[in-house]
Amino acid sequence: MQSHKKKILIIDTMHQSIIPLLEDLDFDVDYKPKITRQEIIDTLSEYVGIVVRSKTTIDAELLQNAGKLKFVARAGAGIDQLDVRVLENRKITIVNAPEGNRDALGEHALGMLLCLANKINVGDLMVRQMVWDREGHRGFELKDKTIALIGYGQMGSAFSEKLVGLSCNVIAYDKYKSGYSSLLVKEASMQEIYEKADVVSFHVPLTEETRNLADKSFFLNFRKNIVVLNTSRGEVLNLKDLLDFLEEGKVKCAALDVLENEKLDQLTDEQKAVFQRLIQMENVLLTPHVGGWTFESYERINQILTDKISKLSY
């Protein structure tokens, strides 16, 4: 007997809880993490919803047969792989889950900052090589330092929460928000950030406006030599310009959870040259885009998504 339930397609590997959660909402769930892009195009006409992590871009080509599609659920925070204009024109709702991995991201950003401040990664490597150099690994304290956040959404606010108790001054600039000063953070202008920041941490989505936001002209504005953290998107920060300032000392050290091109086997010659410079720097800390990638967030994202899907009206 043919089911009359609304069908939803999952095209990426997800925590196993996603299927029963969606079935509880009376969906007929097709879990196909190995599906190809062409197969998605060919079968999307059957579905009212699609759940995606990062497998493929949701654009006009993919949606050519999606006559029934009412929503796209992004299992994570960023929606840069979704063509928002096309989806809005087709009246397809976008659902994402920044609340699901905000705590994971905040903890990771704090961990990276503490690691840089105390040279933990370099010190560990040296001891393993039988080098016991205390003076060479003297760190700096976060107390009384000014931590500047660029963007104060779910991720920026989560990081500010994790900084409580370290007696640092947290300021934030968000072009699209105001009135968010609290015990956690002080709302600031970019001019204040340029003047006061000891540490600059990026928490903005990737858009045409934020692409290449942190370039040579950006770094030249800072009065102090700064520490840079990027846990947002790699394309927000011009890596070549960052490296130049690291070599000059204008940027004292940097922690990067994201890169402009994270497919390391597909780097262009220019990107390879930049990457080789990057990995030779002891004052650079790298992680493989795992800022929001914990066991807890993996499951929590599903709970957030399905809760938001349950509230949709279509």
C-alpha atoms as a PDB file:
ATOM      1  CA  MET A   1       0.000   0.000   0.000  1.00  0.00           C
ATOM      2  CA  GLN A   2       1.455   3.368  -1.033  1.00  0.00           C
ATOM      3  CA  SER A   3       2.273   5.781   1.785  1.00  0.00           C
ATOM      4  CA  HIS A   4       0.614   9.205   1.751  1.00  0.00           C
ATOM      5  CA  LYS A   5       3.169  10.679   4.137  1.00  0.00           C
ATOM      6  CA  LYS A   6       5.222  13.634   2.986  1.00  0.00           C
ATOM      7  CA  LYS A   7       8.677  12.582   1.879  1.00  0.00           C
ATOM      8  CA  ILE A   8      11.963  14.066   3.026  1.00  0.00           C
ATOM      9  CA  LEU A   9      15.399  13.337   1.559  1.00  0.00           C
ATOM     10  CA  ILE A  10      18.625  13.276   3.606  1.00  0.00           C
ATOM     11  CA  ILE A  11      21.691  13.535   1.341  1.00  0.00           C
ATOM     12  CA  ASP A  12      24.531  13.632   3.902  1.00  0.00           C
ATOM     13  CA  THR A  13      25.716  11.396   6.719  1.00  0.00           C
ATOM     14  CA  MET A  14      23.846  12.416   9.864  1.00  0.00           C
ATOM     15  CA  HIS A  15      23.589  11.262  13.465  1.00  0.00           C
ATOM     16  CA  GLN A  16      21.259   8.254  13.476  1.00  0.00           C
ATOM     17  CA  SER A  17      18.698  10.085  15.628  1.00  0.00           C
ATOM     18  CA  ILE A  18      17.547  12.146  12.621  1.00  0.00           C
ATOM     19  CA  ILE A  19      15.378   9.351  11.174  1.00  0.00           C
ATOM     20  CA  PRO A  20      13.151   8.627  14.207  1.00  0.00           C
ATOM     21  CA  LEU A  21      12.897  12.362  14.958  1.00  0.00           C
ATOM     22  CA  LEU A  22      11.552  13.033  11.447  1.00  0.00           C
ATOM     23  CA  GLU A  23       9.342   9.949  11.477  1.00  0.00           C
ATOM     24  CA  ASP A  24       7.786  11.266  14.697  1.00  0.00           C
ATOM     25  CA  LEU A  25       6.787  14.311  12.615  1.00  0.00           C
ATOM     26  CA  ASP A  26       5.024  11.914  10.222  1.00  0.00           C
ATOM     27  CA  PHE A  27       7.577  12.149   7.409  1.00  0.00           C
ATOM     28  CA  ASP A  28       8.529   9.296   5.119  1.00  0.00           C
ATOM     29  CA  VAL A  29      12.328   9.533   5.391  1.00  0.00           C
ATOM     30  CA  ASP A  30      14.765   8.558   2.629  1.00  0.00           C
ATOM     31  CA  TYR A  31      18.263   8.451   4.113  1.00  0.00           C
ATOM     32  CA  LYS A  32      20.691   8.432   1.184  1.00  0.00           C
ATOM     33  CA  PRO A  33      24.099   9.783   2.247  1.00  0.00           C
ATOM     34  CA  LYS A  34      25.784   8.230  -0.823  1.00  0.00           C
ATOM     35  CA  ILE A  35      23.399   9.781  -3.339  1.00  0.00           C
ATOM     36  CA  THR A  36      25.028  11.637  -6.248  1.00  0.00           C
ATOM     37  CA  ARG A  37      24.161  15.144  -7.346  1.00  0.00           C
ATOM     38  CA  GLN A  38      22.571  13.846 -10.556  1.00  0.00           C
ATOM     39  CA  GLU A  39      20.480  11.377  -8.586  1.00  0.00           C
ATOM     40  CA  ILE A  40      19.274  14.227  -6.363  1.00  0.00           C
ATOM     41  CA  ILE A  41      18.232  16.224  -9.437  1.00  0.00           C
ATOM     42  CA  ASP A  42      16.463  13.216 -10.944  1.00  0.00           C
ATOM     43  CA  THR A  43      14.454  12.340  -7.814  1.00  0.00           C
ATOM     44  CA  LEU A  44      13.882  15.635  -5.994  1.00  0.00           C
ATOM     45  CA  SER A  45      10.390  15.978  -7.468  1.00  0.00           C
ATOM     46  CA  GLU A  46       9.185  13.413  -4.895  1.00  0.00           C
ATOM     47  CA  TYR A  47      10.126  15.415  -1.804  1.00  0.00           C
ATOM     48  CA  VAL A  48       8.755  18.283   0.267  1.00  0.00           C
ATOM     49  CA  GLY A  49      12.028  18.646   2.190  1.00  0.00           C
ATOM     50  CA  ILE A  50      15.739  17.992   1.860  1.00  0.00           C
ATOM     51  CA  VAL A  51      18.353  17.798   4.627  1.00  0.00           C
ATOM     52  CA  VAL A  52      21.903  18.733   3.639  1.00  0.00           C
ATOM     53  CA  ARG A  53      25.194  19.198   5.438  1.00  0.00           C
ATOM     54  CA  SER A  54      27.847  20.084   2.847  1.00  0.00           C
ATOM     55  CA  LYS A  55      27.619  17.496   0.055  1.00  0.00           C
ATOM     56  CA  THR A  56      26.549  19.834  -2.726  1.00  0.00           C
ATOM     57  CA  THR A  57      25.372  23.339  -3.544  1.00  0.00           C
ATOM     58  CA  ILE A  58      21.618  23.885  -3.406  1.00  0.00           C
ATOM     59  CA  ASP A  59      21.139  26.004  -6.527  1.00  0.00           C
ATOM     60  CA  ALA A  60      18.822  26.459  -9.514  1.00  0.00           C
ATOM     61  CA  GLU A  61      20.259  23.440 -11.321  1.00  0.00           C
ATOM     62  CA  LEU A  62      19.687  21.128  -8.376  1.00  0.00           C
ATOM     63  CA  LEU A  63      16.148  22.447  -7.890  1.00  0.00           C
ATOM     64  CA  GLN A  64      15.049  22.174 -11.523  1.00  0.00           C
ATOM     65  CA  ASN A  65      12.641  19.309 -10.741  1.00  0.00           C
ATOM     66  CA  ALA A  66      11.785  20.317  -7.172  1.00  0.00           C
ATOM     67  CA  GLY A  67       8.158  21.272  -7.712  1.00  0.00           C
ATOM     68  CA  LYS A  68       7.008  19.974  -4.314  1.00  0.00           C
ATOM     69  CA  LEU A  69       9.963  21.203  -2.269  1.00  0.00           C
ATOM     70  CA  LYS A  70       8.933  23.405   0.651  1.00  0.00           C
ATOM     71  CA  PHE A  71      12.084  23.562   2.782  1.00  0.00           C
ATOM     72  CA  VAL A  72      15.828  22.959   2.833  1.00  0.00           C
ATOM     73  CA  ALA A  73      17.261  22.038   6.245  1.00  0.00           C
ATOM     74  CA  ARG A  74      20.976  22.741   6.666  1.00  0.00           C
ATOM     75  CA  ALA A  75      22.521  20.567   9.372  1.00  0.00           C
ATOM     76  CA  GLY A  76      24.778  23.249  10.797  1.00  0.00           C
ATOM     77  CA  ALA A  77      25.067  27.012  11.022  1.00  0.00           C
ATOM     78  CA  GLY A  78      26.371  28.306   7.679  1.00  0.00           C
ATOM     79  CA  ILE A  79      24.144  28.601   4.622  1.00  0.00           C
ATOM     80  CA  ASP A  80      26.819  29.691   2.144  1.00  0.00           C
ATOM     81  CA  GLN A  81      26.222  26.582   0.021  1.00  0.00           C
ATOM     82  CA  LEU A  82      22.581  27.541  -0.408  1.00  0.00           C
ATOM     83  CA  ASP A  83      21.574  29.940  -3.175  1.00  0.00           C
ATOM     84  CA  VAL A  84      19.364  32.060  -0.958  1.00  0.00           C
ATOM     85  CA  ARG A  85      17.999  34.195  -3.820  1.00  0.00           C
ATOM     86  CA  VAL A  86      16.856  31.159  -5.801  1.00  0.00           C
ATOM     87  CA  LEU A  87      15.270  29.548  -2.729  1.00  0.00           C
ATOM     88  CA  GLU A  88      13.469  32.757  -1.769  1.00  0.00           C
ATOM     89  CA  ASN A  89      12.162  33.200  -5.323  1.00  0.00           C
ATOM     90  CA  ARG A  90      10.762  29.679  -5.210  1.00  0.00           C
ATOM     91  CA  LYS A  91       9.301  30.299  -1.726  1.00  0.00           C
ATOM     92  CA  ILE A  92      11.363  27.447  -0.284  1.00  0.00           C
ATOM     93  CA  THR A  93      12.050  27.953   3.434  1.00  0.00           C
ATOM     94  CA  ILE A  94      15.609  27.693   4.751  1.00  0.00           C
ATOM     95  CA  VAL A  95      16.101  26.051   8.137  1.00  0.00           C
ATOM     96  CA  ASN A  96      19.505  25.884   9.825  1.00  0.00           C
ATOM     97  CA  ALA A  97      20.753  25.033  13.292  1.00  0.00           C
ATOM     98  CA  PRO A  98      23.396  27.416  14.652  1.00  0.00           C
ATOM     99  CA  GLU A  99      22.045  26.771  18.149  1.00  0.00           C
ATOM    100  CA  GLY A 100      23.110  23.133  17.774  1.00  0.00           C
ATOM    101  CA  ASN A 101      26.860  23.671  17.632  1.00  0.00           C
ATOM    102  CA  ARG A 102      27.316  27.102  19.250  1.00  0.00           C
ATOM    103  CA  ASP A 103      28.684  25.661  22.509  1.00  0.00           C
ATOM    104  CA  ALA A 104      31.072  23.348  20.668  1.00  0.00           C
ATOM    105  CA  LEU A 105      32.341  26.304  18.637  1.00  0.00           C
ATOM    106  CA  GLY A 106      32.691  28.536  21.698  1.00  0.00           C
ATOM    107  CA  GLU A 107      34.709  25.908  23.555  1.00  0.00           C
ATOM    108  CA  HIS A 108      36.920  25.227  20.534  1.00  0.00           C
ATOM    109  CA  ALA A 109      37.661  28.932  20.041  1.00  0.00           C
ATOM    110  CA  LEU A 110      38.573  29.252  23.727  1.00  0.00           C
ATOM    111  CA  GLY A 111      40.786  26.176  23.518  1.00  0.00           C
ATOM    112  CA  MET A 112      42.615  27.549  20.488  1.00  0.00           C
ATOM    113  CA  LEU A 113      43.141  30.909  22.176  1.00  0.00           C
ATOM    114  CA  LEU A 114      44.511  29.337  25.372  1.00  0.00           C
ATOM    115  CA  CYS A 115      46.756  27.093  23.306  1.00  0.00           C
ATOM    116  CA  LEU A 116      48.213  30.087  21.457  1.00  0.00           C
ATOM    117  CA  ALA A 117      48.570  32.183  24.613  1.00  0.00           C
ATOM    118  CA  ASN A 118      50.551  29.457  26.382  1.00  0.00           C
ATOM    119  CA  LYS A 119      52.318  27.966  23.331  1.00  0.00           C
ATOM    120  CA  ILE A 120      50.938  24.580  24.346  1.00  0.00           C
ATOM    121  CA  ASN A 121      51.165  22.950  20.921  1.00  0.00           C
ATOM    122  CA  VAL A 122      54.768  24.051  20.352  1.00  0.00           C
ATOM    123  CA  GLY A 123      55.836  23.204  23.890  1.00  0.00           C
ATOM    124  CA  ASP A 124      54.374  19.710  23.574  1.00  0.00           C
ATOM    125  CA  LEU A 125      56.252  19.152  20.316  1.00  0.00           C
ATOM    126  CA  MET A 126      59.557  20.347  21.784  1.00  0.00           C
ATOM    127  CA  VAL A 127      59.321  18.138  24.890  1.00  0.00           C
ATOM    128  CA  ARG A 128      58.619  15.129  22.655  1.00  0.00           C
ATOM    129  CA  GLN A 129      61.879  16.021  20.883  1.00  0.00           C
ATOM    130  CA  MET A 130      63.735  16.055  24.249  1.00  0.00           C
ATOM    131  CA  VAL A 131      63.975  19.881  24.328  1.00  0.00           C
ATOM    132  CA  TRP A 132      63.148  21.396  27.748  1.00  0.00           C
ATOM    133  CA  ASP A 133      62.991  25.144  26.993  1.00  0.00           C
ATOM    134  CA  ARG A 134      60.978  27.041  29.590  1.00  0.00           C
ATOM    135  CA  GLU A 135      61.939  30.579  28.553  1.00  0.00           C
ATOM    136  CA  GLY A 136      61.260  29.891  24.876  1.00  0.00           C
ATOM    137  CA  HIS A 137      57.715  28.889  25.722  1.00  0.00           C
ATOM    138  CA  ARG A 138      56.780  31.721  28.065  1.00  0.00           C
ATOM    139  CA  GLY A 139      53.147  32.653  27.340  1.00  0.00           C
ATOM    140  CA  PHE A 140      50.855  35.595  27.971  1.00  0.00           C
ATOM    141  CA  GLU A 141      47.749  35.896  30.152  1.00  0.00           C
ATOM    142  CA  LEU A 142      44.267  36.738  28.895  1.00  0.00           C
ATOM    143  CA  LYS A 143      43.433  38.740  32.019  1.00  0.00           C
ATOM    144  CA  ASP A 144      42.859  42.417  31.116  1.00  0.00           C
ATOM    145  CA  LYS A 145      43.317  41.722  27.403  1.00  0.00           C
ATOM    146  CA  THR A 146      40.670  42.993  24.987  1.00  0.00           C
ATOM    147  CA  ILE A 147      39.057  40.230  22.956  1.00  0.00           C
ATOM    148  CA  ALA A 148      37.273  41.675  19.916  1.00  0.00           C
ATOM    149  CA  LEU A 149      34.564  39.677  18.174  1.00  0.00           C
ATOM    150  CA  ILE A 150      33.632  40.413  14.565  1.00  0.00           C
ATOM    151  CA  GLY A 151      30.027  39.216  14.422  1.00  0.00           C
ATOM    152  CA  TYR A 152      27.817  38.611  17.443  1.00  0.00           C
ATOM    153  CA  GLY A 153      25.342  35.909  16.464  1.00  0.00           C
ATOM    154  CA  GLN A 154      25.070  32.447  17.967  1.00  0.00           C
ATOM    155  CA  MET A 155      28.801  31.721  17.598  1.00  0.00           C
ATOM    156  CA  GLY A 156      30.144  35.056  18.768  1.00  0.00           C
ATOM    157  CA  SER A 157      27.856  35.112  21.787  1.00  0.00           C
ATOM    158  CA  ALA A 158      28.802  31.516  22.655  1.00  0.00           C
ATOM    159  CA  PHE A 159      32.493  32.459  22.637  1.00  0.00           C
ATOM    160  CA  SER A 160      31.814  35.464  24.877  1.00  0.00           C
ATOM    161  CA  GLU A 161      30.049  33.146  27.341  1.00  0.00           C
ATOM    162  CA  LYS A 162      33.087  30.870  27.475  1.00  0.00           C
ATOM    163  CA  LEU A 163      35.388  33.836  28.168  1.00  0.00           C
ATOM    164  CA  VAL A 164      33.557  34.647  31.413  1.00  0.00           C
ATOM    165  CA  GLY A 165      35.830  34.105  34.378  1.00  0.00           C
ATOM    166  CA  LEU A 166      39.055  34.958  32.536  1.00  0.00           C
ATOM    167  CA  SER A 167      38.837  38.661  33.479  1.00  0.00           C
ATOM    168  CA  CYS A 168      39.311  39.867  29.926  1.00  0.00           C
ATOM    169  CA  ASN A 169      37.420  42.669  28.201  1.00  0.00           C
ATOM    170  CA  VAL A 170      35.110  41.377  25.454  1.00  0.00           C
ATOM    171  CA  ILE A 171      33.903  43.813  22.801  1.00  0.00           C
ATOM    172  CA  ALA A 172      31.985  43.018  19.629  1.00  0.00           C
ATOM    173  CA  TYR A 173      31.013  44.609  16.334  1.00  0.00           C
ATOM    174  CA  ASP A 174      28.024  43.362  14.355  1.00  0.00           C
ATOM    175  CA  LYS A 175      26.853  45.396  11.365  1.00  0.00           C
ATOM    176  CA  TYR A 176      23.340  44.002  11.613  1.00  0.00           C
ATOM    177  CA  LYS A 177      22.760  44.135  15.371  1.00  0.00           C
ATOM    178  CA  SER A 178      22.618  46.762  18.083  1.00  0.00           C
ATOM    179  CA  GLY A 179      21.698  47.006  21.726  1.00  0.00           C
ATOM    180  CA  TYR A 180      23.369  43.742  22.748  1.00  0.00           C
ATOM    181  CA  SER A 181      25.750  45.052  25.400  1.00  0.00           C
ATOM    182  CA  SER A 182      25.570  42.951  28.571  1.00  0.00           C
ATOM    183  CA  LEU A 183      27.707  41.595  31.382  1.00  0.00           C
ATOM    184  CA  LEU A 184      29.292  39.346  28.731  1.00  0.00           C
ATOM    185  CA  VAL A 185      30.165  41.875  26.047  1.00  0.00           C
ATOM    186  CA  LYS A 186      30.309  45.549  25.150  1.00  0.00           C
ATOM    187  CA  GLU A 187      28.961  46.645  21.797  1.00  0.00           C
ATOM    188  CA  ALA A 188      31.692  48.446  19.866  1.00  0.00           C
ATOM    189  CA  SER A 189      32.386  50.199  16.611  1.00  0.00           C
ATOM    190  CA  MET A 190      35.049  48.931  14.240  1.00  0.00           C
ATOM    191  CA  GLN A 191      37.088  51.989  15.133  1.00  0.00           C
ATOM    192  CA  GLU A 192      37.072  50.935  18.802  1.00  0.00           C
ATOM    193  CA  ILE A 193      38.133  47.438  17.770  1.00  0.00           C
ATOM    194  CA  TYR A 194      41.001  48.791  15.689  1.00  0.00           C
ATOM    195  CA  GLU A 195      42.099  50.913  18.647  1.00  0.00           C
ATOM    196  CA  LYS A 196      41.700  48.462  21.557  1.00  0.00           C
ATOM    197  CA  ALA A 197      41.878  44.864  20.343  1.00  0.00           C
ATOM    198  CA  ASP A 198      44.539  42.465  21.558  1.00  0.00           C
ATOM    199  CA  VAL A 199      42.740  39.472  20.058  1.00  0.00           C
ATOM    200  CA  VAL A 200      40.423  39.472  17.029  1.00  0.00           C
ATOM    201  CA  SER A 201      38.034  36.563  16.501  1.00  0.00           C
ATOM    202  CA  PHE A 202      35.798  36.147  13.431  1.00  0.00           C
ATOM    203  CA  HIS A 203      32.192  34.940  13.818  1.00  0.00           C
ATOM    204  CA  VAL A 204      30.509  36.062  10.603  1.00  0.00           C
ATOM    205  CA  PRO A 205      28.752  34.047   7.892  1.00  0.00           C
ATOM    206  CA  LEU A 206      30.315  33.862   4.448  1.00  0.00           C
ATOM    207  CA  THR A 207      28.586  36.306   2.103  1.00  0.00           C
ATOM    208  CA  GLU A 208      29.782  38.490  -0.740  1.00  0.00           C
ATOM    209  CA  GLU A 209      30.066  41.233   1.879  1.00  0.00           C
ATOM    210  CA  THR A 210      32.312  39.233   4.221  1.00  0.00           C
ATOM    211  CA  ARG A 211      34.389  37.418   1.601  1.00  0.00           C
ATOM    212  CA  ASN A 212      37.987  38.649   1.932  1.00  0.00           C
ATOM    213  CA  LEU A 213      36.896  40.912   4.801  1.00  0.00           C
ATOM    214  CA  ALA A 214      40.227  40.554   6.608  1.00  0.00           C
ATOM    215  CA  ASP A 215      42.782  41.673   4.042  1.00  0.00           C
ATOM    216  CA  LYS A 216      45.820  43.932   4.033  1.00  0.00           C
ATOM    217  CA  SER A 217      43.838  47.145   4.557  1.00  0.00           C
ATOM    218  CA  PHE A 218      41.943  45.542   7.450  1.00  0.00           C
ATOM    219  CA  PHE A 219      45.083  44.540   9.348  1.00  0.00           C
ATOM    220  CA  LEU A 220      46.774  47.899   8.796  1.00  0.00           C
ATOM    221  CA  ASN A 221      44.050  49.597  10.860  1.00  0.00           C
ATOM    222  CA  PHE A 222      45.040  47.988  14.174  1.00  0.00           C
ATOM    223  CA  ARG A 223      47.004  50.067  16.639  1.00  0.00           C
ATOM    224  CA  LYS A 224      48.410  47.037  18.518  1.00  0.00           C
ATOM    225  CA  ASN A 225      49.983  43.830  17.306  1.00  0.00           C
ATOM    226  CA  ILE A 226      47.128  41.338  17.484  1.00  0.00           C
ATOM    227  CA  VAL A 227      46.241  37.657  17.830  1.00  0.00           C
ATOM    228  CA  VAL A 228      43.849  36.355  15.144  1.00  0.00           C
ATOM    229  CA  LEU A 229      41.275  33.564  15.490  1.00  0.00           C
ATOM    230  CA  ASN A 230      39.123  32.332  12.614  1.00  0.00           C
ATOM    231  CA  THR A 231      36.456  29.722  13.291  1.00  0.00           C
ATOM    232  CA  SER A 232      33.934  31.099  10.782  1.00  0.00           C
ATOM    233  CA  ARG A 233      34.767  30.514   7.115  1.00  0.00           C
ATOM    234  CA  GLY A 234      38.197  30.455   5.502  1.00  0.00           C
ATOM    235  CA  GLU A 235      37.246  32.826   2.706  1.00  0.00           C
ATOM    236  CA  VAL A 236      36.560  35.595   5.236  1.00  0.00           C
ATOM    237  CA  LEU A 237      40.304  35.952   5.795  1.00  0.00           C
ATOM    238  CA  ASN A 238      42.867  36.580   3.056  1.00  0.00           C
ATOM    239  CA  LEU A 239      45.460  33.969   3.960  1.00  0.00           C
ATOM    240  CA  LYS A 240      48.323  35.470   1.984  1.00  0.00           C
ATOM    241  CA  ASP A 241      47.829  38.866   3.620  1.00  0.00           C
ATOM    242  CA  LEU A 242      47.605  37.236   7.054  1.00  0.00           C
ATOM    243  CA  LEU A 243      50.895  35.423   6.445  1.00  0.00           C
ATOM    244  CA  ASP A 244      52.605  38.651   5.442  1.00  0.00           C
ATOM    245  CA  PHE A 245      51.544  40.274   8.724  1.00  0.00           C
ATOM    246  CA  LEU A 246      52.540  37.186  10.718  1.00  0.00           C
ATOM    247  CA  GLU A 247      56.025  37.402   9.220  1.00  0.00           C
ATOM    248  CA  GLU A 248      56.203  41.134   9.989  1.00  0.00           C
ATOM    249  CA  GLY A 249      54.930  40.638  13.554  1.00  0.00           C
ATOM    250  CA  LYS A 250      51.836  42.833  13.126  1.00  0.00           C
ATOM    251  CA  VAL A 251      49.891  39.625  13.779  1.00  0.00           C
ATOM    252  CA  LYS A 252      51.617  37.910  16.709  1.00  0.00           C
ATOM    253  CA  CYS A 253      49.988  34.519  16.225  1.00  0.00           C
ATOM    254  CA  ALA A 254      46.922  32.977  14.615  1.00  0.00           C
ATOM    255  CA  ALA A 255      44.553  30.056  15.166  1.00  0.00           C
ATOM    256  CA  LEU A 256      42.701  28.843  12.080  1.00  0.00           C
ATOM    257  CA  ASP A 257      39.982  26.206  12.122  1.00  0.00           C
ATOM    258  CA  VAL A 258      39.082  27.023   8.516  1.00  0.00           C
ATOM    259  CA  LEU A 259      41.000  27.696   5.300  1.00  0.00           C
ATOM    260  CA  GLU A 260      40.155  29.315   1.967  1.00  0.00           C
ATOM    261  CA  ASN A 261      40.441  25.910   0.305  1.00  0.00           C
ATOM    262  CA  GLU A 262      39.997  22.970   2.677  1.00  0.00           C
ATOM    263  CA  LYS A 263      40.442  20.346  -0.040  1.00  0.00           C
ATOM    264  CA  LEU A 264      44.170  20.055   0.516  1.00  0.00           C
ATOM    265  CA  ASP A 265      44.602  17.646  -2.388  1.00  0.00           C
ATOM    266  CA  GLN A 266      43.099  20.216  -4.760  1.00  0.00           C
ATOM    267  CA  LEU A 267      45.123  23.328  -3.957  1.00  0.00           C
ATOM    268  CA  THR A 268      46.199  25.598  -6.792  1.00  0.00           C
ATOM    269  CA  ASP A 269      49.921  26.292  -7.154  1.00  0.00           C
ATOM    270  CA  GLU A 270      49.455  29.652  -5.447  1.00  0.00           C
ATOM    271  CA  GLN A 271      47.471  28.063  -2.611  1.00  0.00           C
ATOM    272  CA  LYS A 272      50.137  25.379  -2.194  1.00  0.00           C
ATOM    273  CA  ALA A 273      52.818  28.038  -1.840  1.00  0.00           C
ATOM    274  CA  VAL A 274      50.785  29.869   0.816  1.00  0.00           C
ATOM    275  CA  PHE A 275      50.000  26.617   2.637  1.00  0.00           C
ATOM    276  CA  GLN A 276      53.676  25.644   2.759  1.00  0.00           C
ATOM    277  CA  ARG A 277      54.502  28.984   4.396  1.00  0.00           C
ATOM    278  CA  LEU A 278      51.632  28.524   6.814  1.00  0.00           C
ATOM    279  CA  ILE A 279      52.600  25.083   8.122  1.00  0.00           C
ATOM    280  CA  GLN A 280      56.172  26.155   8.778  1.00  0.00           C
ATOM    281  CA  MET A 281      55.089  28.817  11.287  1.00  0.00           C
ATOM    282  CA  GLU A 282      55.250  27.834  14.959  1.00  0.00           C
ATOM    283  CA  ASN A 283      52.952  30.737  15.855  1.00  0.00           C
ATOM    284  CA  VAL A 284      50.088  29.314  13.760  1.00  0.00           C
ATOM    285  CA  LEU A 285      47.670  26.753  15.159  1.00  0.00           C
ATOM    286  CA  LEU A 286      45.572  24.720  12.692  1.00  0.00           C
ATOM    287  CA  THR A 287      42.563  22.445  13.117  1.00  0.00           C
ATOM    288  CA  PRO A 288      40.481  20.778  10.336  1.00  0.00           C
ATOM    289  CA  HIS A 289      37.178  22.722  10.544  1.00  0.00           C
ATOM    290  CA  VAL A 290      36.078  20.966  13.727  1.00  0.00           C
ATOM    291  CA  GLY A 291      35.050  24.020  15.755  1.00  0.00           C
ATOM    292  CA  GLY A 292      31.433  22.903  15.999  1.00  0.00           C
ATOM    293  CA  TRP A 293      32.112  19.204  15.450  1.00  0.00           C
ATOM    294  CA  THR A 294      31.575  17.422  18.764  1.00  0.00           C
ATOM    295  CA  PHE A 295      29.681  14.227  19.576  1.00  0.00           C
ATOM    296  CA  GLU A 296      27.128  16.335  21.445  1.00  0.00           C
ATOM    297  CA  SER A 297      26.598  18.890  18.658  1.00  0.00           C
ATOM    298  CA  TYR A 298      26.276  16.119  16.066  1.00  0.00           C
ATOM    299  CA  GLU A 299      23.117  14.934  17.830  1.00  0.00           C
ATOM    300  CA  ARG A 300      21.885  18.314  19.067  1.00  0.00           C
ATOM    301  CA  ILE A 301      21.773  19.715  15.522  1.00  0.00           C
ATOM    302  CA  ASN A 302      19.174  17.070  14.656  1.00  0.00           C
ATOM    303  CA  GLN A 303      17.030  18.089  17.617  1.00  0.00           C
ATOM    304  CA  ILE A 304      17.188  21.758  16.652  1.00  0.00           C
ATOM    305  CA  LEU A 305      16.420  21.058  12.977  1.00  0.00           C
ATOM    306  CA  THR A 306      13.461  18.799  13.623  1.00  0.00           C
ATOM    307  CA  ASP A 307      12.038  21.212  16.191  1.00  0.00           C
ATOM    308  CA  LYS A 308      12.177  24.028  13.611  1.00  0.00           C
ATOM    309  CA  ILE A 309      10.743  21.784  10.874  1.00  0.00           C
ATOM    310  CA  SER A 310       7.839  20.870  13.179  1.00  0.00           C
ATOM    311  CA  LYS A 311       6.892  24.552  13.370  1.00  0.00           C
ATOM    312  CA  LEU A 312       6.816  25.157   9.603  1.00  0.00           C
ATOM    313  CA  SER A 313       3.481  25.826   7.939  1.00  0.00           C
ATOM    314  CA  TYR A 314       3.141  24.972   4.271  1.00  0.00           C
END
